[in-house]
Amino acid sequence: MTNRSSLASAVFSAAASLTALAVALPSSAAAAMPGATVSVKVPTRDLDLASDAGRATLDQRLRSAAIEACGDASSADPEGKRVVRQCRTKLVRAGQQQALALTSQQDRLAAR
């Protein structure tokens, strides 16, 4: 395989990776079951993550997915509320870090 075709393959692979972020973290609901995780797919294919608008849309999608994935706790359960907030925060951060890593990889490949 030539350098050009391997570069094209790598760029395609990185671009395909950006079609959806899949984030897995322990959830509040799964907290009682050791090793249980929540996995969320967030579509990104239609976003330009190099733009402020694209990143803002991704952040909104991540927050929405985290709300759905982590669930909610009764207002009478302060510890449950804390665990839910923690789950949501970790899920959003993990998604942002994954998007940043994939975007950086794509930038490095495009610069070759």
PDB file of N, CA and C in Angstrom:
ATOM      1  N   MET A   1       0.852  -1.174   0.000  1.00  0.00           N
ATOM      2  CA  MET A   1       0.000   0.000   0.000  1.00  0.00           C
ATOM      3  C   MET A   1       0.894   1.233   0.000  1.00  0.00           C
ATOM      4  N   THR A   2       0.616   2.199  -0.839  1.00  0.00           N
ATOM      5  CA  THR A   2       1.426   3.406  -0.892  1.00  0.00           C
ATOM      6  C   THR A   2       1.109   4.294   0.290  1.00  0.00           C
ATOM      7  N   ASN A   3       2.005   5.270   0.526  1.00  0.00           N
ATOM      8  CA  ASN A   3       1.768   6.223   1.605  1.00  0.00           C
ATOM      9  C   ASN A   3       0.476   6.997   1.376  1.00  0.00           C
ATOM     10  N   ARG A   4       0.215   7.333   0.131  1.00  0.00           N
ATOM     11  CA  ARG A   4      -0.987   8.111  -0.196  1.00  0.00           C
ATOM     12  C   ARG A   4      -2.254   7.317   0.110  1.00  0.00           C
ATOM     13  N   SER A   5      -2.288   6.036  -0.276  1.00  0.00           N
ATOM     14  CA  SER A   5      -3.493   5.247  -0.034  1.00  0.00           C
ATOM     15  C   SER A   5      -3.645   4.923   1.450  1.00  0.00           C
ATOM     16  N   SER A   6      -2.529   4.738   2.177  1.00  0.00           N
ATOM     17  CA  SER A   6      -2.658   4.490   3.612  1.00  0.00           C
ATOM     18  C   SER A   6      -3.114   5.751   4.326  1.00  0.00           C
ATOM     19  N   LEU A   7      -2.673   6.925   3.862  1.00  0.00           N
ATOM     20  CA  LEU A   7      -3.129   8.185   4.437  1.00  0.00           C
ATOM     21  C   LEU A   7      -4.616   8.362   4.173  1.00  0.00           C
ATOM     22  N   ALA A   8      -5.054   8.096   2.968  1.00  0.00           N
ATOM     23  CA  ALA A   8      -6.477   8.225   2.634  1.00  0.00           C
ATOM     24  C   ALA A   8      -7.302   7.273   3.483  1.00  0.00           C
ATOM     25  N   SER A   9      -6.801   6.077   3.679  1.00  0.00           N
ATOM     26  CA  SER A   9      -7.501   5.101   4.510  1.00  0.00           C
ATOM     27  C   SER A   9      -7.588   5.582   5.950  1.00  0.00           C
ATOM     28  N   ALA A  10      -6.510   6.146   6.463  1.00  0.00           N
ATOM     29  CA  ALA A  10      -6.497   6.632   7.844  1.00  0.00           C
ATOM     30  C   ALA A  10      -7.436   7.818   8.025  1.00  0.00           C
ATOM     31  N   VAL A  11      -7.447   8.737   7.058  1.00  0.00           N
ATOM     32  CA  VAL A  11      -8.349   9.887   7.127  1.00  0.00           C
ATOM     33  C   VAL A  11      -9.790   9.419   7.077  1.00  0.00           C
ATOM     34  N   PHE A  12     -10.094   8.464   6.193  1.00  0.00           N
ATOM     35  CA  PHE A  12     -11.451   7.940   6.118  1.00  0.00           C
ATOM     36  C   PHE A  12     -11.841   7.292   7.438  1.00  0.00           C
ATOM     37  N   SER A  13     -10.908   6.541   8.021  1.00  0.00           N
ATOM     38  CA  SER A  13     -11.175   5.867   9.286  1.00  0.00           C
ATOM     39  C   SER A  13     -11.464   6.878  10.386  1.00  0.00           C
ATOM     40  N   ALA A  14     -10.694   7.951  10.456  1.00  0.00           N
ATOM     41  CA  ALA A  14     -10.926   8.980  11.474  1.00  0.00           C
ATOM     42  C   ALA A  14     -12.253   9.685  11.230  1.00  0.00           C
ATOM     43  N   ALA A  15     -12.573   9.966   9.991  1.00  0.00           N
ATOM     44  CA  ALA A  15     -13.843  10.632   9.676  1.00  0.00           C
ATOM     45  C   ALA A  15     -15.007   9.722  10.020  1.00  0.00           C
ATOM     46  N   ALA A  16     -14.876   8.447   9.745  1.00  0.00           N
ATOM     47  CA  ALA A  16     -15.947   7.510  10.077  1.00  0.00           C
ATOM     48  C   ALA A  16     -16.138   7.433  11.578  1.00  0.00           C
ATOM     49  N   SER A  17     -15.062   7.555  12.326  1.00  0.00           N
ATOM     50  CA  SER A  17     -15.156   7.524  13.775  1.00  0.00           C
ATOM     51  C   SER A  17     -15.954   8.696  14.314  1.00  0.00           C
ATOM     52  N   LEU A  18     -15.954   9.784  13.601  1.00  0.00           N
ATOM     53  CA  LEU A  18     -16.663  10.974  14.058  1.00  0.00           C
ATOM     54  C   LEU A  18     -18.157  10.940  13.756  1.00  0.00           C
ATOM     55  N   THR A  19     -18.650   9.892  13.132  1.00  0.00           N
ATOM     56  CA  THR A  19     -20.077   9.857  12.828  1.00  0.00           C
ATOM     57  C   THR A  19     -20.919   9.741  14.084  1.00  0.00           C
ATOM     58  N   ALA A  20     -20.374   9.141  15.131  1.00  0.00           N
ATOM     59  CA  ALA A  20     -21.080   9.061  16.405  1.00  0.00           C
ATOM     60  C   ALA A  20     -20.079   8.807  17.513  1.00  0.00           C
ATOM     61  N   LEU A  21     -20.286   9.482  18.617  1.00  0.00           N
ATOM     62  CA  LEU A  21     -19.475   9.236  19.791  1.00  0.00           C
ATOM     63  C   LEU A  21     -20.184   8.190  20.628  1.00  0.00           C
ATOM     64  N   ALA A  22     -19.467   7.256  21.106  1.00  0.00           N
ATOM     65  CA  ALA A  22     -20.038   6.255  22.009  1.00  0.00           C
ATOM     66  C   ALA A  22     -19.304   6.378  23.331  1.00  0.00           C
ATOM     67  N   VAL A  23     -20.036   6.731  24.361  1.00  0.00           N
ATOM     68  CA  VAL A  23     -19.446   6.964  25.662  1.00  0.00           C
ATOM     69  C   VAL A  23     -20.027   5.954  26.638  1.00  0.00           C
ATOM     70  N   ALA A  24     -19.180   5.294  27.398  1.00  0.00           N
ATOM     71  CA  ALA A  24     -19.655   4.333  28.391  1.00  0.00           C
ATOM     72  C   ALA A  24     -19.099   4.702  29.759  1.00  0.00           C
ATOM     73  N   LEU A  25     -19.986   4.842  30.725  1.00  0.00           N
ATOM     74  CA  LEU A  25     -19.607   5.161  32.099  1.00  0.00           C
ATOM     75  C   LEU A  25     -20.555   4.470  33.057  1.00  0.00           C
ATOM     76  N   PRO A  26     -20.123   4.269  34.287  1.00  0.00           N
ATOM     77  CA  PRO A  26     -21.075   3.764  35.273  1.00  0.00           C
ATOM     78  C   PRO A  26     -22.214   4.776  35.440  1.00  0.00           C
ATOM     79  N   SER A  27     -23.422   4.307  35.563  1.00  0.00           N
ATOM     80  CA  SER A  27     -24.563   5.202  35.746  1.00  0.00           C
ATOM     81  C   SER A  27     -25.073   5.121  37.165  1.00  0.00           C
ATOM     82  N   SER A  28     -25.916   6.071  37.526  1.00  0.00           N
ATOM     83  CA  SER A  28     -26.509   6.053  38.857  1.00  0.00           C
ATOM     84  C   SER A  28     -27.373   4.813  39.024  1.00  0.00           C
ATOM     85  N   ALA A  29     -28.111   4.454  37.994  1.00  0.00           N
ATOM     86  CA  ALA A  29     -28.969   3.279  38.065  1.00  0.00           C
ATOM     87  C   ALA A  29     -28.132   2.012  38.192  1.00  0.00           C
ATOM     88  N   ALA A  30     -26.947   2.050  37.601  1.00  0.00           N
ATOM     89  CA  ALA A  30     -26.090   0.873  37.617  1.00  0.00           C
ATOM     90  C   ALA A  30     -25.178   0.850  38.839  1.00  0.00           C
ATOM     91  N   ALA A  31     -25.231   1.905  39.642  1.00  0.00           N
ATOM     92  CA  ALA A  31     -24.320   2.004  40.786  1.00  0.00           C
ATOM     93  C   ALA A  31     -24.461   0.827  41.740  1.00  0.00           C
ATOM     94  N   ALA A  32     -25.653   0.294  41.852  1.00  0.00           N
ATOM     95  CA  ALA A  32     -25.879  -0.828  42.755  1.00  0.00           C
ATOM     96  C   ALA A  32     -25.330  -2.132  42.185  1.00  0.00           C
ATOM     97  N   MET A  33     -25.041  -2.145  40.888  1.00  0.00           N
ATOM     98  CA  MET A  33     -24.522  -3.345  40.243  1.00  0.00           C
ATOM     99  C   MET A  33     -23.088  -3.088  39.800  1.00  0.00           C
ATOM    100  N   PRO A  34     -22.105  -3.599  40.544  1.00  0.00           N
ATOM    101  CA  PRO A  34     -20.703  -3.348  40.189  1.00  0.00           C
ATOM    102  C   PRO A  34     -20.397  -3.764  38.749  1.00  0.00           C
ATOM    103  N   GLY A  35     -19.680  -2.891  38.060  1.00  0.00           N
ATOM    104  CA  GLY A  35     -19.276  -3.184  36.693  1.00  0.00           C
ATOM    105  C   GLY A  35     -20.291  -2.797  35.635  1.00  0.00           C
ATOM    106  N   ALA A  36     -21.498  -2.407  36.026  1.00  0.00           N
ATOM    107  CA  ALA A  36     -22.521  -2.020  35.053  1.00  0.00           C
ATOM    108  C   ALA A  36     -22.176  -0.648  34.469  1.00  0.00           C
ATOM    109  N   THR A  37     -22.445  -0.472  33.199  1.00  0.00           N
ATOM    110  CA  THR A  37     -22.168   0.803  32.546  1.00  0.00           C
ATOM    111  C   THR A  37     -23.350   1.250  31.697  1.00  0.00           C
ATOM    112  N   VAL A  38     -23.320   2.516  31.360  1.00  0.00           N
ATOM    113  CA  VAL A  38     -24.278   3.100  30.429  1.00  0.00           C
ATOM    114  C   VAL A  38     -23.500   3.461  29.182  1.00  0.00           C
ATOM    115  N   SER A  39     -24.012   3.116  28.029  1.00  0.00           N
ATOM    116  CA  SER A  39     -23.375   3.452  26.768  1.00  0.00           C
ATOM    117  C   SER A  39     -24.333   4.324  25.979  1.00  0.00           C
ATOM    118  N   VAL A  40     -23.820   5.424  25.457  1.00  0.00           N
ATOM    119  CA  VAL A  40     -24.640   6.385  24.731  1.00  0.00           C
ATOM    120  C   VAL A  40     -23.978   6.680  23.393  1.00  0.00           C
ATOM    121  N   LYS A  41     -24.751   6.680  22.332  1.00  0.00           N
ATOM    122  CA  LYS A  41     -24.245   7.110  21.026  1.00  0.00           C
ATOM    123  C   LYS A  41     -24.820   8.485  20.725  1.00  0.00           C
ATOM    124  N   VAL A  42     -23.934   9.392  20.362  1.00  0.00           N
ATOM    125  CA  VAL A  42     -24.322  10.767  20.053  1.00  0.00           C
ATOM    126  C   VAL A  42     -23.912  11.047  18.612  1.00  0.00           C
ATOM    127  N   PRO A  43     -24.879  11.335  17.730  1.00  0.00           N
ATOM    128  CA  PRO A  43     -24.535  11.571  16.325  1.00  0.00           C
ATOM    129  C   PRO A  43     -23.707  12.853  16.150  1.00  0.00           C
ATOM    130  N   THR A  44     -22.688  12.762  15.292  1.00  0.00           N
ATOM    131  CA  THR A  44     -21.827  13.920  15.033  1.00  0.00           C
ATOM    132  C   THR A  44     -21.581  14.161  13.545  1.00  0.00           C
ATOM    133  N   ARG A  45     -22.063  13.257  12.710  1.00  0.00           N
ATOM    134  CA  ARG A  45     -21.759  13.341  11.280  1.00  0.00           C
ATOM    135  C   ARG A  45     -22.133  14.699  10.681  1.00  0.00           C
ATOM    136  N   ASP A  46     -23.212  15.277  11.148  1.00  0.00           N
ATOM    137  CA  ASP A  46     -23.696  16.531  10.582  1.00  0.00           C
ATOM    138  C   ASP A  46     -23.052  17.768  11.216  1.00  0.00           C
ATOM    139  N   LEU A  47     -22.089  17.574  12.111  1.00  0.00           N
ATOM    140  CA  LEU A  47     -21.487  18.699  12.830  1.00  0.00           C
ATOM    141  C   LEU A  47     -20.095  19.023  12.328  1.00  0.00           C
ATOM    142  N   ASP A  48     -19.778  20.301  12.290  1.00  0.00           N
ATOM    143  CA  ASP A  48     -18.421  20.764  12.035  1.00  0.00           C
ATOM    144  C   ASP A  48     -17.820  21.066  13.399  1.00  0.00           C
ATOM    145  N   LEU A  49     -17.087  20.106  13.951  1.00  0.00           N
ATOM    146  CA  LEU A  49     -16.566  20.263  15.301  1.00  0.00           C
ATOM    147  C   LEU A  49     -15.415  21.261  15.384  1.00  0.00           C
ATOM    148  N   ALA A  50     -14.983  21.775  14.246  1.00  0.00           N
ATOM    149  CA  ALA A  50     -13.971  22.826  14.243  1.00  0.00           C
ATOM    150  C   ALA A  50     -14.612  24.195  14.477  1.00  0.00           C
ATOM    151  N   SER A  51     -15.944  24.266  14.386  1.00  0.00           N
ATOM    152  CA  SER A  51     -16.629  25.544  14.569  1.00  0.00           C
ATOM    153  C   SER A  51     -17.246  25.642  15.960  1.00  0.00           C
ATOM    154  N   ASP A  52     -17.424  26.870  16.439  1.00  0.00           N
ATOM    155  CA  ASP A  52     -18.067  27.090  17.740  1.00  0.00           C
ATOM    156  C   ASP A  52     -19.489  26.538  17.734  1.00  0.00           C
ATOM    157  N   ALA A  53     -20.206  26.751  16.645  1.00  0.00           N
ATOM    158  CA  ALA A  53     -21.592  26.274  16.552  1.00  0.00           C
ATOM    159  C   ALA A  53     -21.662  24.751  16.597  1.00  0.00           C
ATOM    160  N   GLY A  54     -20.748  24.090  15.918  1.00  0.00           N
ATOM    161  CA  GLY A  54     -20.718  22.631  15.921  1.00  0.00           C
ATOM    162  C   GLY A  54     -20.429  22.077  17.305  1.00  0.00           C
ATOM    163  N   ARG A  55     -19.470  22.696  17.998  1.00  0.00           N
ATOM    164  CA  ARG A  55     -19.145  22.243  19.358  1.00  0.00           C
ATOM    165  C   ARG A  55     -20.296  22.524  20.324  1.00  0.00           C
ATOM    166  N   ALA A  56     -20.976  23.655  20.148  1.00  0.00           N
ATOM    167  CA  ALA A  56     -22.121  23.973  21.018  1.00  0.00           C
ATOM    168  C   ALA A  56     -23.251  22.970  20.803  1.00  0.00           C
ATOM    169  N   THR A  57     -23.489  22.594  19.555  1.00  0.00           N
ATOM    170  CA  THR A  57     -24.518  21.599  19.260  1.00  0.00           C
ATOM    171  C   THR A  57     -24.133  20.254  19.856  1.00  0.00           C
ATOM    172  N   LEU A  58     -22.854  19.875  19.740  1.00  0.00           N
ATOM    173  CA  LEU A  58     -22.399  18.623  20.333  1.00  0.00           C
ATOM    174  C   LEU A  58     -22.604  18.651  21.848  1.00  0.00           C
ATOM    175  N   ASP A  59     -22.246  19.753  22.497  1.00  0.00           N
ATOM    176  CA  ASP A  59     -22.419  19.848  23.945  1.00  0.00           C
ATOM    177  C   ASP A  59     -23.889  19.667  24.338  1.00  0.00           C
ATOM    178  N   GLN A  60     -24.793  20.269  23.574  1.00  0.00           N
ATOM    179  CA  GLN A  60     -26.220  20.121  23.860  1.00  0.00           C
ATOM    180  C   GLN A  60     -26.651  18.661  23.687  1.00  0.00           C
ATOM    181  N   ARG A  61     -26.178  18.018  22.639  1.00  0.00           N
ATOM    182  CA  ARG A  61     -26.517  16.610  22.416  1.00  0.00           C
ATOM    183  C   ARG A  61     -25.966  15.735  23.539  1.00  0.00           C
ATOM    184  N   LEU A  62     -24.742  16.033  23.972  1.00  0.00           N
ATOM    185  CA  LEU A  62     -24.151  15.264  25.070  1.00  0.00           C
ATOM    186  C   LEU A  62     -24.946  15.447  26.358  1.00  0.00           C
ATOM    187  N   ARG A  63     -25.343  16.693  26.649  1.00  0.00           N
ATOM    188  CA  ARG A  63     -26.139  16.947  27.859  1.00  0.00           C
ATOM    189  C   ARG A  63     -27.473  16.211  27.800  1.00  0.00           C
ATOM    190  N   SER A  64     -28.128  16.251  26.645  1.00  0.00           N
ATOM    191  CA  SER A  64     -29.413  15.555  26.490  1.00  0.00           C
ATOM    192  C   SER A  64     -29.248  14.046  26.659  1.00  0.00           C
ATOM    193  N   ALA A  65     -28.202  13.500  26.060  1.00  0.00           N
ATOM    194  CA  ALA A  65     -27.951  12.064  26.172  1.00  0.00           C
ATOM    195  C   ALA A  65     -27.639  11.684  27.615  1.00  0.00           C
ATOM    196  N   ALA A  66     -26.895  12.538  28.318  1.00  0.00           N
ATOM    197  CA  ALA A  66     -26.542  12.262  29.715  1.00  0.00           C
ATOM    198  C   ALA A  66     -27.776  12.284  30.602  1.00  0.00           C
ATOM    199  N   ILE A  67     -28.692  13.203  30.345  1.00  0.00           N
ATOM    200  CA  ILE A  67     -29.934  13.257  31.121  1.00  0.00           C
ATOM    201  C   ILE A  67     -30.717  11.970  30.944  1.00  0.00           C
ATOM    202  N   GLU A  68     -30.807  11.529  29.707  1.00  0.00           N
ATOM    203  CA  GLU A  68     -31.546  10.298  29.418  1.00  0.00           C
ATOM    204  C   GLU A  68     -30.831   9.071  29.990  1.00  0.00           C
ATOM    205  N   ALA A  69     -29.520   9.010  29.819  1.00  0.00           N
ATOM    206  CA  ALA A  69     -28.765   7.825  30.225  1.00  0.00           C
ATOM    207  C   ALA A  69     -28.628   7.712  31.740  1.00  0.00           C
ATOM    208  N   CYS A  70     -28.436   8.820  32.415  1.00  0.00           N
ATOM    209  CA  CYS A  70     -28.178   8.776  33.855  1.00  0.00           C
ATOM    210  C   CYS A  70     -29.455   8.792  34.678  1.00  0.00           C
ATOM    211  N   GLY A  71     -30.553   9.111  34.061  1.00  0.00           N
ATOM    212  CA  GLY A  71     -31.811   9.107  34.775  1.00  0.00           C
ATOM    213  C   GLY A  71     -31.935  10.254  35.759  1.00  0.00           C
ATOM    214  N   ASP A  72     -32.800  10.072  36.742  1.00  0.00           N
ATOM    215  CA  ASP A  72     -33.063  11.096  37.737  1.00  0.00           C
ATOM    216  C   ASP A  72     -33.251  10.419  39.080  1.00  0.00           C
ATOM    217  N   ALA A  73     -33.165  11.193  40.127  1.00  0.00           N
ATOM    218  CA  ALA A  73     -33.389  10.674  41.478  1.00  0.00           C
ATOM    219  C   ALA A  73     -34.439  11.544  42.152  1.00  0.00           C
ATOM    220  N   SER A  74     -35.106  10.971  43.099  1.00  0.00           N
ATOM    221  CA  SER A  74     -36.129  11.689  43.855  1.00  0.00           C
ATOM    222  C   SER A  74     -35.515  12.870  44.589  1.00  0.00           C
ATOM    223  N   SER A  75     -36.264  13.947  44.701  1.00  0.00           N
ATOM    224  CA  SER A  75     -35.786  15.103  45.455  1.00  0.00           C
ATOM    225  C   SER A  75     -35.618  14.751  46.932  1.00  0.00           C
ATOM    226  N   ALA A  76     -36.236  13.660  47.366  1.00  0.00           N
ATOM    227  CA  ALA A  76     -36.092  13.195  48.752  1.00  0.00           C
ATOM    228  C   ALA A  76     -34.813  12.359  48.932  1.00  0.00           C
ATOM    229  N   ASP A  77     -34.054  12.194  47.864  1.00  0.00           N
ATOM    230  CA  ASP A  77     -32.844  11.374  47.902  1.00  0.00           C
ATOM    231  C   ASP A  77     -31.630  12.211  47.510  1.00  0.00           C
ATOM    232  N   PRO A  78     -31.071  12.986  48.464  1.00  0.00           N
ATOM    233  CA  PRO A  78     -29.938  13.856  48.137  1.00  0.00           C
ATOM    234  C   PRO A  78     -28.722  13.096  47.606  1.00  0.00           C
ATOM    235  N   GLU A  79     -28.459  11.914  48.159  1.00  0.00           N
ATOM    236  CA  GLU A  79     -27.313  11.127  47.674  1.00  0.00           C
ATOM    237  C   GLU A  79     -27.559  10.679  46.234  1.00  0.00           C
ATOM    238  N   GLY A  80     -28.786  10.256  45.941  1.00  0.00           N
ATOM    239  CA  GLY A  80     -29.142   9.870  44.583  1.00  0.00           C
ATOM    240  C   GLY A  80     -28.999  11.030  43.620  1.00  0.00           C
ATOM    241  N   LYS A  81     -29.434  12.212  44.034  1.00  0.00           N
ATOM    242  CA  LYS A  81     -29.294  13.417  43.198  1.00  0.00           C
ATOM    243  C   LYS A  81     -27.823  13.697  42.905  1.00  0.00           C
ATOM    244  N   ARG A  82     -26.964  13.544  43.931  1.00  0.00           N
ATOM    245  CA  ARG A  82     -25.533  13.789  43.749  1.00  0.00           C
ATOM    246  C   ARG A  82     -24.947  12.791  42.751  1.00  0.00           C
ATOM    247  N   VAL A  83     -25.339  11.536  42.866  1.00  0.00           N
ATOM    248  CA  VAL A  83     -24.831  10.499  41.969  1.00  0.00           C
ATOM    249  C   VAL A  83     -25.276  10.771  40.531  1.00  0.00           C
ATOM    250  N   VAL A  84     -26.517  11.208  40.353  1.00  0.00           N
ATOM    251  CA  VAL A  84     -27.027  11.530  39.011  1.00  0.00           C
ATOM    252  C   VAL A  84     -26.252  12.702  38.423  1.00  0.00           C
ATOM    253  N   ARG A  85     -26.039  13.763  39.212  1.00  0.00           N
ATOM    254  CA  ARG A  85     -25.263  14.920  38.724  1.00  0.00           C
ATOM    255  C   ARG A  85     -23.863  14.494  38.315  1.00  0.00           C
ATOM    256  N   GLN A  86     -23.254  13.650  39.152  1.00  0.00           N
ATOM    257  CA  GLN A  86     -21.906  13.159  38.872  1.00  0.00           C
ATOM    258  C   GLN A  86     -21.886  12.337  37.576  1.00  0.00           C
ATOM    259  N   CYS A  87     -22.855  11.479  37.404  1.00  0.00           N
ATOM    260  CA  CYS A  87     -22.957  10.659  36.194  1.00  0.00           C
ATOM    261  C   CYS A  87     -23.069  11.551  34.960  1.00  0.00           C
ATOM    262  N   ARG A  88     -23.957  12.532  35.011  1.00  0.00           N
ATOM    263  CA  ARG A  88     -24.160  13.434  33.869  1.00  0.00           C
ATOM    264  C   ARG A  88     -22.898  14.204  33.544  1.00  0.00           C
ATOM    265  N   THR A  89     -22.242  14.727  34.556  1.00  0.00           N
ATOM    266  CA  THR A  89     -21.008  15.498  34.346  1.00  0.00           C
ATOM    267  C   THR A  89     -19.931  14.630  33.711  1.00  0.00           C
ATOM    268  N   LYS A  90     -19.754  13.417  34.231  1.00  0.00           N
ATOM    269  CA  LYS A  90     -18.732  12.517  33.691  1.00  0.00           C
ATOM    270  C   LYS A  90     -19.042  12.113  32.257  1.00  0.00           C
ATOM    271  N   LEU A  91     -20.302  11.871  31.966  1.00  0.00           N
ATOM    272  CA  LEU A  91     -20.687  11.462  30.620  1.00  0.00           C
ATOM    273  C   LEU A  91     -20.415  12.582  29.612  1.00  0.00           C
ATOM    274  N   VAL A  92     -20.791  13.815  29.966  1.00  0.00           N
ATOM    275  CA  VAL A  92     -20.559  14.955  29.068  1.00  0.00           C
ATOM    276  C   VAL A  92     -19.055  15.173  28.871  1.00  0.00           C
ATOM    277  N   ARG A  93     -18.301  15.142  29.947  1.00  0.00           N
ATOM    278  CA  ARG A  93     -16.841  15.342  29.835  1.00  0.00           C
ATOM    279  C   ARG A  93     -16.188  14.261  28.986  1.00  0.00           C
ATOM    280  N   ALA A  94     -16.604  13.029  29.189  1.00  0.00           N
ATOM    281  CA  ALA A  94     -16.030  11.924  28.407  1.00  0.00           C
ATOM    282  C   ALA A  94     -16.334  12.112  26.919  1.00  0.00           C
ATOM    283  N   GLY A  95     -17.546  12.536  26.595  1.00  0.00           N
ATOM    284  CA  GLY A  95     -17.904  12.790  25.199  1.00  0.00           C
ATOM    285  C   GLY A  95     -17.103  13.927  24.600  1.00  0.00           C
ATOM    286  N   GLN A  96     -16.920  14.993  25.373  1.00  0.00           N
ATOM    287  CA  GLN A  96     -16.131  16.131  24.898  1.00  0.00           C
ATOM    288  C   GLN A  96     -14.684  15.724  24.668  1.00  0.00           C
ATOM    289  N   GLN A  97     -14.130  14.936  25.571  1.00  0.00           N
ATOM    290  CA  GLN A  97     -12.748  14.484  25.419  1.00  0.00           C
ATOM    291  C   GLN A  97     -12.604  13.561  24.215  1.00  0.00           C
ATOM    292  N   GLN A  98     -13.592  12.711  24.004  1.00  0.00           N
ATOM    293  CA  GLN A  98     -13.541  11.804  22.856  1.00  0.00           C
ATOM    294  C   GLN A  98     -13.619  12.598  21.553  1.00  0.00           C
ATOM    295  N   ALA A  99     -14.485  13.593  21.504  1.00  0.00           N
ATOM    296  CA  ALA A  99     -14.607  14.423  20.299  1.00  0.00           C
ATOM    297  C   ALA A  99     -13.307  15.183  20.045  1.00  0.00           C
ATOM    298  N   LEU A 100     -12.710  15.713  21.090  1.00  0.00           N
ATOM    299  CA  LEU A 100     -11.453  16.439  20.948  1.00  0.00           C
ATOM    300  C   LEU A 100     -10.345  15.520  20.433  1.00  0.00           C
ATOM    301  N   ALA A 101     -10.273  14.329  20.974  1.00  0.00           N
ATOM    302  CA  ALA A 101      -9.246  13.373  20.540  1.00  0.00           C
ATOM    303  C   ALA A 101      -9.440  12.998  19.075  1.00  0.00           C
ATOM    304  N   LEU A 102     -10.676  12.747  18.676  1.00  0.00           N
ATOM    305  CA  LEU A 102     -10.930  12.376  17.280  1.00  0.00           C
ATOM    306  C   LEU A 102     -10.669  13.540  16.334  1.00  0.00           C
ATOM    307  N   THR A 103     -11.037  14.745  16.746  1.00  0.00           N
ATOM    308  CA  THR A 103     -10.800  15.922  15.913  1.00  0.00           C
ATOM    309  C   THR A 103      -9.305  16.175  15.779  1.00  0.00           C
ATOM    310  N   SER A 104      -8.557  16.020  16.874  1.00  0.00           N
ATOM    311  CA  SER A 104      -7.107  16.200  16.827  1.00  0.00           C
ATOM    312  C   SER A 104      -6.463  15.164  15.915  1.00  0.00           C
ATOM    313  N   GLN A 105      -6.943  13.929  16.006  1.00  0.00           N
ATOM    314  CA  GLN A 105      -6.413  12.863  15.140  1.00  0.00           C
ATOM    315  C   GLN A 105      -6.689  13.198  13.679  1.00  0.00           C
ATOM    316  N   GLN A 106      -7.873  13.672  13.403  1.00  0.00           N
ATOM    317  CA  GLN A 106      -8.242  14.023  12.039  1.00  0.00           C
ATOM    318  C   GLN A 106      -7.374  15.175  11.535  1.00  0.00           C
ATOM    319  N   ASP A 107      -7.117  16.161  12.384  1.00  0.00           N
ATOM    320  CA  ASP A 107      -6.262  17.298  12.014  1.00  0.00           C
ATOM    321  C   ASP A 107      -4.841  16.839  11.705  1.00  0.00           C
ATOM    322  N   ARG A 108      -4.310  15.924  12.542  1.00  0.00           N
ATOM    323  CA  ARG A 108      -2.940  15.429  12.313  1.00  0.00           C
ATOM    324  C   ARG A 108      -2.861  14.654  10.991  1.00  0.00           C
ATOM    325  N   LEU A 109      -3.881  13.853  10.719  1.00  0.00           N
ATOM    326  CA  LEU A 109      -3.880  13.078   9.480  1.00  0.00           C
ATOM    327  C   LEU A 109      -3.995  13.980   8.256  1.00  0.00           C
ATOM    328  N   ALA A 110      -4.807  15.026   8.370  1.00  0.00           N
ATOM    329  CA  ALA A 110      -4.991  15.936   7.252  1.00  0.00           C
ATOM    330  C   ALA A 110      -3.729  16.751   6.984  1.00  0.00           C
ATOM    331  N   ALA A 111      -2.908  16.969   8.015  1.00  0.00           N
ATOM    332  CA  ALA A 111      -1.680  17.761   7.865  1.00  0.00           C
ATOM    333  C   ALA A 111      -0.556  16.971   7.197  1.00  0.00           C
ATOM    334  N   ARG A 112      -0.715  15.660   7.083  1.00  0.00           N
ATOM    335  CA  ARG A 112       0.356  14.840   6.469  1.00  0.00           C
ATOM    336  C   ARG A 112       0.453  15.055   5.006  1.00  0.00           C
TER     337      ARG A 112
END
